[in-house]
Amino acid sequence: MSHLTSSRLRRILAAGLQAGTAAGLAWFLGGIVLGTDSPIYAPVAAVVVIGAGFDRRIDKVTAMLKGMAIAIVLSEIGVSLAGSGPIQIAAVTGLAIIVARFVTDDLLAVAYAGLNAAILVALGGEGWLPDRALEALVGAGVAYALIYLVFPPRPRNHVRGAIRRQIETARDNLGLVADALRSADSEAASGAESRSEQIDRNVGSLIDAFEFSHEVSRLSPWRRRDLSSTIGLRDHARRLQSVLRDSTVLVRVASRLAAGSDDAHEHLADAVEKHSDALKGIVETIGDDDADLADSTKAVRQDVDEARSLGRTVCGDTSRRHNAVVEEIVSLADEIESWMVELQEGETARARA
């Protein structure tokens, strides 16, 4: 438990509280509304909708219903034509997954189609509107009520948290690769490169965080006043994604240089660390209401300008890998600087208006 930050611990506890409450309420209300003793799909659907991440819940329900619809149609056709049994379960489940993959790229919809097909065929079919579909709707309704009425997150805090987590992870990785460049440590370089692959896969969660926060501010009556601010924050999402992806590319090429060379590259390590400082400044620039935008953007631009200059420092290494690292240092500096210029120009235009 010592490695858990207080904010992460709160997120874990909140996720458990929401999921547990949703499951219990969904079972209770499913029994009352539908008059069944074991409305098993109600808590299952509620937990699926609640989730434990930063993705949009509406998309989860849409995916769940797509998968369920495919499963209902195919299971009813399969049971009516061939009955129920292990061969029928195998055939219909496989067909449901194939059809779902053709209909949608959403892996949750595909998984739900296969799961429901297997269950419905095993039960011998339950009609074109099976009780389990109704139970799922009850569970989804309970989850929505908890998310948007009882436990709506503060949209700006949700977005800030996502920004900080992603940037802190990227900064940690830049620090690792800077150390590898200084020490020519191939093991450290390999670790930084493998971590960069995971970071790159997680960058997409930034857009999910922005979209979910915007969704909450639209649908929760308690968070409507945050709507305009979430729209403004969402405008930063794609630029921030681009910056983080460029930083993972820098980590990869720098890791390969460090792993394949016995020489230290001090000036490149210093440049990478300046980019790490710039990422820290970005958090203050777009995540703090009290930040002076002119000062914060200026500080970030100074960091990336120093990174650019350090990267271009003349040294004895003119290898292809060395030059690739320099190119990525300069590219990332240009990307961040152009974003900061846009932010400052936008602020100046708003002040004049």
Protein backbone atom coordinates (compact mmCIF):
# COMPACT_ATOMS: atom_id res chain seq x y z
CA MET A 1 0.00 0.00 0.00
CA SER A 2 2.95 2.36 0.45
CA HIS A 3 3.24 2.94 -3.30
CA LEU A 4 -0.34 4.25 -3.50
CA THR A 5 -0.80 8.01 -3.56
CA SER A 6 -3.72 9.42 -1.61
CA SER A 7 -5.47 10.50 -4.83
CA ARG A 8 -5.10 7.04 -6.36
CA LEU A 9 -6.33 5.42 -3.17
CA ARG A 10 -9.40 7.68 -3.22
CA ARG A 11 -10.09 6.73 -6.85
CA ILE A 12 -9.85 3.02 -6.03
CA LEU A 13 -12.14 3.32 -3.03
CA ALA A 14 -14.63 5.46 -4.97
CA ALA A 15 -14.71 2.91 -7.81
CA GLY A 16 -15.37 0.09 -5.37
CA LEU A 17 -18.09 2.05 -3.57
CA GLN A 18 -19.85 2.94 -6.82
CA ALA A 19 -19.66 -0.57 -8.28
CA GLY A 20 -20.80 -2.23 -5.04
CA THR A 21 -23.69 0.19 -4.53
CA ALA A 22 -24.77 -0.15 -8.16
CA ALA A 23 -24.72 -3.96 -8.02
CA GLY A 24 -26.76 -4.13 -4.82
CA LEU A 25 -29.34 -1.58 -5.94
CA ALA A 26 -29.65 -3.14 -9.38
CA TRP A 27 -30.38 -6.56 -7.87
CA PHE A 28 -32.92 -5.10 -5.44
CA LEU A 29 -34.74 -2.94 -8.02
CA GLY A 30 -34.56 -5.64 -10.67
CA GLY A 31 -36.43 -7.98 -8.37
CA ILE A 32 -39.08 -5.35 -7.61
CA VAL A 33 -39.58 -4.03 -11.14
CA LEU A 34 -39.43 -7.34 -12.98
CA GLY A 35 -40.76 -9.60 -10.23
CA THR A 36 -37.94 -12.13 -10.51
CA ASP A 37 -36.07 -13.80 -7.67
CA SER A 38 -32.63 -13.70 -9.33
CA PRO A 39 -32.24 -10.72 -11.70
CA ILE A 40 -28.60 -11.64 -12.30
CA TYR A 41 -28.10 -9.46 -15.36
CA ALA A 42 -29.08 -6.29 -13.53
CA PRO A 43 -25.99 -6.11 -11.27
CA VAL A 44 -23.78 -7.38 -14.11
CA ALA A 45 -24.95 -4.58 -16.42
CA ALA A 46 -24.64 -2.00 -13.64
CA VAL A 47 -21.01 -2.94 -12.98
CA VAL A 48 -20.22 -2.95 -16.72
CA VAL A 49 -21.62 0.59 -17.06
CA ILE A 50 -19.96 1.91 -13.91
CA GLY A 51 -16.59 0.52 -14.91
CA ALA A 52 -13.46 1.65 -13.09
CA GLY A 53 -11.71 3.88 -15.60
CA PHE A 54 -12.13 7.22 -17.33
CA ASP A 55 -14.04 6.16 -20.42
CA ARG A 56 -17.46 7.40 -21.44
CA ARG A 57 -20.29 5.43 -19.86
CA ILE A 58 -22.80 6.12 -22.64
CA ASP A 59 -20.51 4.37 -25.07
CA LYS A 60 -20.37 1.38 -22.74
CA VAL A 61 -24.15 1.02 -22.67
CA THR A 62 -24.38 1.39 -26.44
CA ALA A 63 -21.79 -1.34 -26.87
CA MET A 64 -23.54 -3.56 -24.34
CA LEU A 65 -26.91 -3.20 -26.08
CA LYS A 66 -25.37 -3.85 -29.52
CA GLY A 67 -23.84 -7.08 -28.29
CA MET A 68 -27.04 -8.13 -26.55
CA ALA A 69 -29.17 -7.47 -29.65
CA ILE A 70 -26.89 -9.58 -31.84
CA ALA A 71 -26.92 -12.39 -29.27
CA ILE A 72 -30.72 -12.35 -28.92
CA VAL A 73 -31.35 -12.58 -32.67
CA LEU A 74 -28.80 -15.33 -33.31
CA SER A 75 -29.67 -17.37 -30.22
CA GLU A 76 -33.39 -17.37 -31.01
CA ILE A 77 -32.73 -18.41 -34.60
CA GLY A 78 -30.25 -21.06 -33.47
CA VAL A 79 -32.50 -22.56 -30.78
CA SER A 80 -35.55 -22.57 -33.06
CA LEU A 81 -33.63 -24.36 -35.82
CA ALA A 82 -31.35 -26.71 -33.88
CA GLY A 83 -32.31 -26.64 -30.22
CA SER A 84 -29.89 -26.32 -27.33
CA GLY A 85 -26.72 -28.23 -26.59
CA PRO A 86 -22.93 -27.97 -26.58
CA ILE A 87 -22.62 -27.99 -30.37
CA GLN A 88 -25.32 -25.34 -30.73
CA ILE A 89 -23.71 -23.21 -28.03
CA ALA A 90 -20.34 -23.41 -29.77
CA ALA A 91 -21.81 -22.59 -33.19
CA VAL A 92 -24.02 -19.69 -32.11
CA THR A 93 -21.40 -18.17 -29.81
CA GLY A 94 -18.77 -18.26 -32.56
CA LEU A 95 -21.23 -16.83 -35.09
CA ALA A 96 -22.25 -14.05 -32.67
CA ILE A 97 -18.63 -12.96 -32.23
CA ILE A 98 -18.03 -13.04 -36.00
CA VAL A 99 -21.17 -11.00 -36.72
CA ALA A 100 -20.33 -8.52 -33.94
CA ARG A 101 -16.83 -8.00 -35.34
CA PHE A 102 -18.33 -7.19 -38.74
CA VAL A 103 -20.90 -4.83 -37.21
CA THR A 104 -18.62 -2.96 -34.81
CA ASP A 105 -14.99 -2.59 -33.76
CA ASP A 106 -16.00 -2.16 -30.12
CA LEU A 107 -14.48 -5.10 -28.25
CA LEU A 108 -16.98 -4.73 -25.39
CA ALA A 109 -19.86 -5.22 -27.85
CA VAL A 110 -18.12 -8.26 -29.32
CA ALA A 111 -17.51 -9.79 -25.89
CA TYR A 112 -21.08 -9.11 -24.80
CA ALA A 113 -22.44 -10.69 -27.98
CA GLY A 114 -20.49 -13.90 -27.37
CA LEU A 115 -21.30 -14.03 -23.65
CA ASN A 116 -25.03 -13.49 -24.13
CA ALA A 117 -25.23 -15.89 -27.05
CA ALA A 118 -23.69 -18.68 -24.98
CA ILE A 119 -26.02 -18.04 -22.03
CA LEU A 120 -29.20 -17.67 -24.08
CA VAL A 121 -28.60 -20.83 -26.11
CA ALA A 122 -27.76 -22.74 -22.92
CA LEU A 123 -31.09 -21.59 -21.47
CA GLY A 124 -32.92 -22.78 -24.57
CA GLY A 125 -33.88 -19.27 -25.69
CA GLU A 126 -36.04 -16.80 -23.84
CA GLY A 127 -37.95 -15.12 -26.66
CA TRP A 128 -37.20 -12.02 -28.69
CA LEU A 129 -37.30 -9.84 -25.58
CA PRO A 130 -35.73 -12.06 -22.92
CA ASP A 131 -35.95 -11.18 -19.24
CA ARG A 132 -32.18 -10.77 -19.18
CA ALA A 133 -32.37 -7.85 -21.62
CA LEU A 134 -34.85 -6.14 -19.31
CA GLU A 135 -32.61 -6.86 -16.32
CA ALA A 136 -29.68 -5.29 -18.16
CA LEU A 137 -31.72 -2.14 -18.82
CA VAL A 138 -32.60 -1.90 -15.12
CA GLY A 139 -28.94 -2.28 -14.19
CA ALA A 140 -27.87 0.37 -16.69
CA GLY A 141 -30.53 2.74 -15.36
CA VAL A 142 -29.30 2.29 -11.80
CA ALA A 143 -25.72 2.92 -12.90
CA TYR A 144 -26.70 6.11 -14.73
CA ALA A 145 -28.58 7.41 -11.70
CA LEU A 146 -25.55 6.84 -9.47
CA ILE A 147 -23.10 8.39 -11.93
CA TYR A 148 -25.04 11.51 -12.83
CA LEU A 149 -27.19 12.12 -9.73
CA VAL A 150 -25.52 10.59 -6.69
CA PHE A 151 -21.77 10.35 -7.45
CA PRO A 152 -21.09 12.80 -10.29
CA PRO A 153 -17.36 13.63 -10.36
CA ARG A 154 -16.22 17.22 -10.61
CA PRO A 155 -15.45 17.48 -14.34
CA ARG A 156 -12.49 19.85 -14.08
CA ASN A 157 -10.91 17.82 -11.28
CA HIS A 158 -11.45 14.64 -13.29
CA VAL A 159 -9.69 16.13 -16.31
CA ARG A 160 -6.87 17.62 -14.25
CA GLY A 161 -6.28 14.27 -12.61
CA ALA A 162 -6.06 12.54 -15.99
CA ILE A 163 -3.64 15.20 -17.28
CA ARG A 164 -1.40 14.92 -14.23
CA ARG A 165 -1.31 11.13 -14.28
CA GLN A 166 -0.37 10.94 -17.94
CA ILE A 167 2.24 13.68 -17.74
CA GLU A 168 3.77 12.35 -14.53
CA THR A 169 4.15 8.94 -16.17
CA ALA A 170 5.71 10.50 -19.27
CA ARG A 171 8.09 12.57 -17.12
CA ASP A 172 9.16 9.48 -15.19
CA ASN A 173 9.98 7.76 -18.46
CA LEU A 174 11.91 10.76 -19.78
CA GLY A 175 13.90 10.70 -16.55
CA LEU A 176 14.72 7.02 -17.04
CA VAL A 177 15.94 7.54 -20.58
CA ALA A 178 17.97 10.61 -19.54
CA ASP A 179 19.76 8.47 -16.94
CA ALA A 180 20.32 5.78 -19.58
CA LEU A 181 21.86 8.34 -21.96
CA ARG A 182 24.25 9.54 -19.24
CA SER A 183 25.35 6.11 -18.15
CA ALA A 184 25.02 4.22 -21.47
CA ASP A 185 23.06 1.65 -19.44
CA SER A 186 21.46 -0.76 -21.91
CA GLU A 187 19.27 -2.37 -19.23
CA ALA A 188 17.82 0.99 -18.15
CA ALA A 189 17.33 1.94 -21.80
CA SER A 190 15.46 -1.28 -22.47
CA GLY A 191 13.19 -0.66 -19.48
CA ALA A 192 12.40 2.88 -20.64
CA GLU A 193 11.54 1.68 -24.15
CA SER A 194 9.21 -1.06 -22.93
CA ARG A 195 7.45 1.41 -20.62
CA SER A 196 7.02 3.85 -23.49
CA GLU A 197 4.96 1.27 -25.36
CA GLN A 198 2.53 1.03 -22.44
CA ILE A 199 2.36 4.81 -22.14
CA ASP A 200 1.61 5.14 -25.84
CA ARG A 201 -1.33 2.75 -25.48
CA ASN A 202 -2.67 4.73 -22.54
CA VAL A 203 -2.51 8.16 -24.16
CA GLY A 204 -5.95 7.58 -25.68
CA SER A 205 -7.43 7.64 -22.18
CA LEU A 206 -6.90 11.41 -22.15
CA ILE A 207 -9.60 11.91 -24.77
CA ASP A 208 -11.83 9.55 -22.80
CA ALA A 209 -11.33 11.65 -19.67
CA PHE A 210 -12.21 14.86 -21.48
CA GLU A 211 -15.24 13.31 -23.15
CA PHE A 212 -16.54 11.74 -19.95
CA SER A 213 -16.13 15.00 -18.04
CA HIS A 214 -18.04 16.84 -20.76
CA GLU A 215 -20.70 14.14 -20.63
CA VAL A 216 -21.09 14.56 -16.87
CA SER A 217 -21.35 18.35 -17.15
CA ARG A 218 -24.14 17.94 -19.73
CA LEU A 219 -26.15 15.22 -18.03
CA SER A 220 -25.72 15.88 -14.31
CA PRO A 221 -27.91 18.71 -12.97
CA TRP A 222 -25.32 19.29 -10.24
CA ARG A 223 -22.47 19.83 -12.72
CA ARG A 224 -24.09 21.97 -15.44
CA ARG A 225 -22.15 25.05 -14.41
CA ASP A 226 -18.94 23.24 -15.42
CA LEU A 227 -20.10 22.78 -19.03
CA SER A 228 -18.30 25.78 -20.55
CA SER A 229 -15.07 25.04 -18.70
CA THR A 230 -15.01 21.40 -19.83
CA ILE A 231 -15.48 22.51 -23.44
CA GLY A 232 -12.42 24.72 -23.02
CA LEU A 233 -10.38 21.94 -21.46
CA ARG A 234 -11.42 19.46 -24.12
CA ASP A 235 -9.84 21.69 -26.76
CA HIS A 236 -6.44 20.85 -25.24
CA ALA A 237 -6.92 17.09 -25.46
CA ARG A 238 -5.68 16.41 -28.96
CA ARG A 239 -2.69 18.72 -28.66
CA LEU A 240 -1.70 17.10 -25.39
CA GLN A 241 -2.10 13.66 -26.93
CA SER A 242 0.21 14.69 -29.76
CA VAL A 243 2.82 16.02 -27.32
CA LEU A 244 2.75 12.84 -25.24
CA ARG A 245 3.00 10.62 -28.29
CA ASP A 246 5.98 12.64 -29.53
CA SER A 247 7.59 12.20 -26.12
CA THR A 248 7.22 8.41 -26.33
CA VAL A 249 8.85 8.46 -29.77
CA LEU A 250 11.72 10.45 -28.27
CA VAL A 251 12.04 7.87 -25.48
CA ARG A 252 12.18 5.03 -28.00
CA VAL A 253 14.89 6.50 -30.23
CA ALA A 254 16.91 7.69 -27.21
CA SER A 255 16.64 4.26 -25.59
CA ARG A 256 17.98 2.61 -28.72
CA LEU A 257 20.90 5.02 -28.83
CA ALA A 258 21.74 4.40 -25.16
CA ALA A 259 21.40 0.62 -25.56
CA GLY A 260 23.61 0.50 -28.63
CA SER A 261 26.42 2.78 -27.48
CA ASP A 262 29.12 2.60 -24.81
CA ASP A 263 29.47 6.41 -24.73
CA ALA A 264 27.56 8.84 -22.54
CA HIS A 265 25.47 11.52 -24.25
CA GLU A 266 25.33 14.27 -21.65
CA HIS A 267 23.90 17.01 -23.84
CA LEU A 268 21.07 14.76 -25.06
CA ALA A 269 20.29 13.73 -21.47
CA ASP A 270 20.11 17.40 -20.47
CA ALA A 271 17.80 18.11 -23.42
CA VAL A 272 15.49 15.24 -22.45
CA GLU A 273 15.34 16.55 -18.87
CA LYS A 274 14.40 20.01 -20.15
CA HIS A 275 11.50 18.41 -21.99
CA SER A 276 10.51 16.78 -18.71
CA ASP A 277 10.48 20.25 -17.11
CA ALA A 278 8.35 21.53 -19.98
CA LEU A 279 5.77 18.79 -19.38
CA LYS A 280 5.58 19.83 -15.73
CA GLY A 281 4.96 23.40 -16.87
CA ILE A 282 2.16 22.25 -19.16
CA VAL A 283 0.28 20.86 -16.15
CA GLU A 284 0.40 24.30 -14.56
CA THR A 285 -0.54 26.00 -17.82
CA ILE A 286 -3.73 24.07 -18.63
CA GLY A 287 -4.68 22.58 -15.28
CA ASP A 288 -4.57 25.46 -12.81
CA ASP A 289 -7.20 28.22 -12.76
CA ASP A 290 -4.89 30.49 -10.78
CA ALA A 291 -1.92 30.19 -13.13
CA ASP A 292 -0.74 33.29 -14.98
CA LEU A 293 -0.96 32.07 -18.56
CA ALA A 294 1.63 34.53 -19.88
CA ASP A 295 4.21 33.49 -17.27
CA SER A 296 3.48 29.76 -17.48
CA THR A 297 3.60 29.59 -21.29
CA LYS A 298 6.80 31.67 -21.27
CA ALA A 299 8.42 29.25 -18.82
CA VAL A 300 7.43 26.23 -20.93
CA ARG A 301 8.77 27.89 -24.09
CA GLN A 302 12.07 28.62 -22.34
CA ASP A 303 12.39 24.96 -21.34
CA VAL A 304 11.78 23.67 -24.86
CA ASP A 305 14.08 26.31 -26.37
CA GLU A 306 16.86 25.11 -24.06
CA ALA A 307 16.04 21.50 -24.98
CA ARG A 308 16.32 22.38 -28.66
CA SER A 309 19.66 24.15 -28.15
CA LEU A 310 21.08 21.34 -26.01
CA GLY A 311 20.01 18.72 -28.54
CA ARG A 312 21.77 20.56 -31.34
CA THR A 313 25.02 20.86 -29.40
CA VAL A 314 27.87 19.74 -31.63
CA CYS A 315 29.55 16.56 -30.45
CA GLY A 316 31.66 13.80 -31.87
CA ASP A 317 28.75 11.42 -32.44
CA THR A 318 27.29 11.81 -35.92
CA SER A 319 25.69 8.38 -36.09
CA ARG A 320 22.21 7.82 -37.50
CA ARG A 321 20.77 6.98 -34.07
CA HIS A 322 22.28 10.10 -32.51
CA ASN A 323 20.85 12.28 -35.27
CA ALA A 324 17.44 10.62 -34.87
CA VAL A 325 17.39 11.59 -31.18
CA VAL A 326 18.30 15.18 -32.04
CA GLU A 327 15.51 15.30 -34.61
CA GLU A 328 12.94 14.07 -32.08
CA ILE A 329 14.16 16.55 -29.45
CA VAL A 330 13.71 19.39 -31.93
CA SER A 331 10.37 18.05 -33.19
CA LEU A 332 8.94 17.81 -29.66
CA ALA A 333 10.24 21.30 -28.87
CA ASP A 334 8.55 22.70 -31.97
CA GLU A 335 5.27 20.93 -31.14
CA ILE A 336 5.14 22.26 -27.59
CA GLU A 337 6.23 25.77 -28.54
CA SER A 338 3.58 26.12 -31.27
CA TRP A 339 0.92 25.02 -28.77
CA MET A 340 2.08 27.54 -26.18
CA VAL A 341 2.05 30.30 -28.81
CA GLU A 342 -1.53 29.39 -29.72
CA LEU A 343 -2.56 29.49 -26.07
CA GLN A 344 -1.00 32.90 -25.54
CA GLU A 345 -2.49 34.32 -28.72
CA GLY A 346 -5.92 33.01 -27.76
CA GLU A 347 -5.65 34.57 -24.31
CA THR A 348 -4.60 37.91 -25.84
CA ALA A 349 -7.54 37.83 -28.27
CA ARG A 350 -10.00 37.12 -25.43
CA ALA A 351 -8.55 39.96 -23.37
CA ARG A 352 -9.00 42.41 -26.25
CA ALA A 353 -12.57 41.26 -26.81
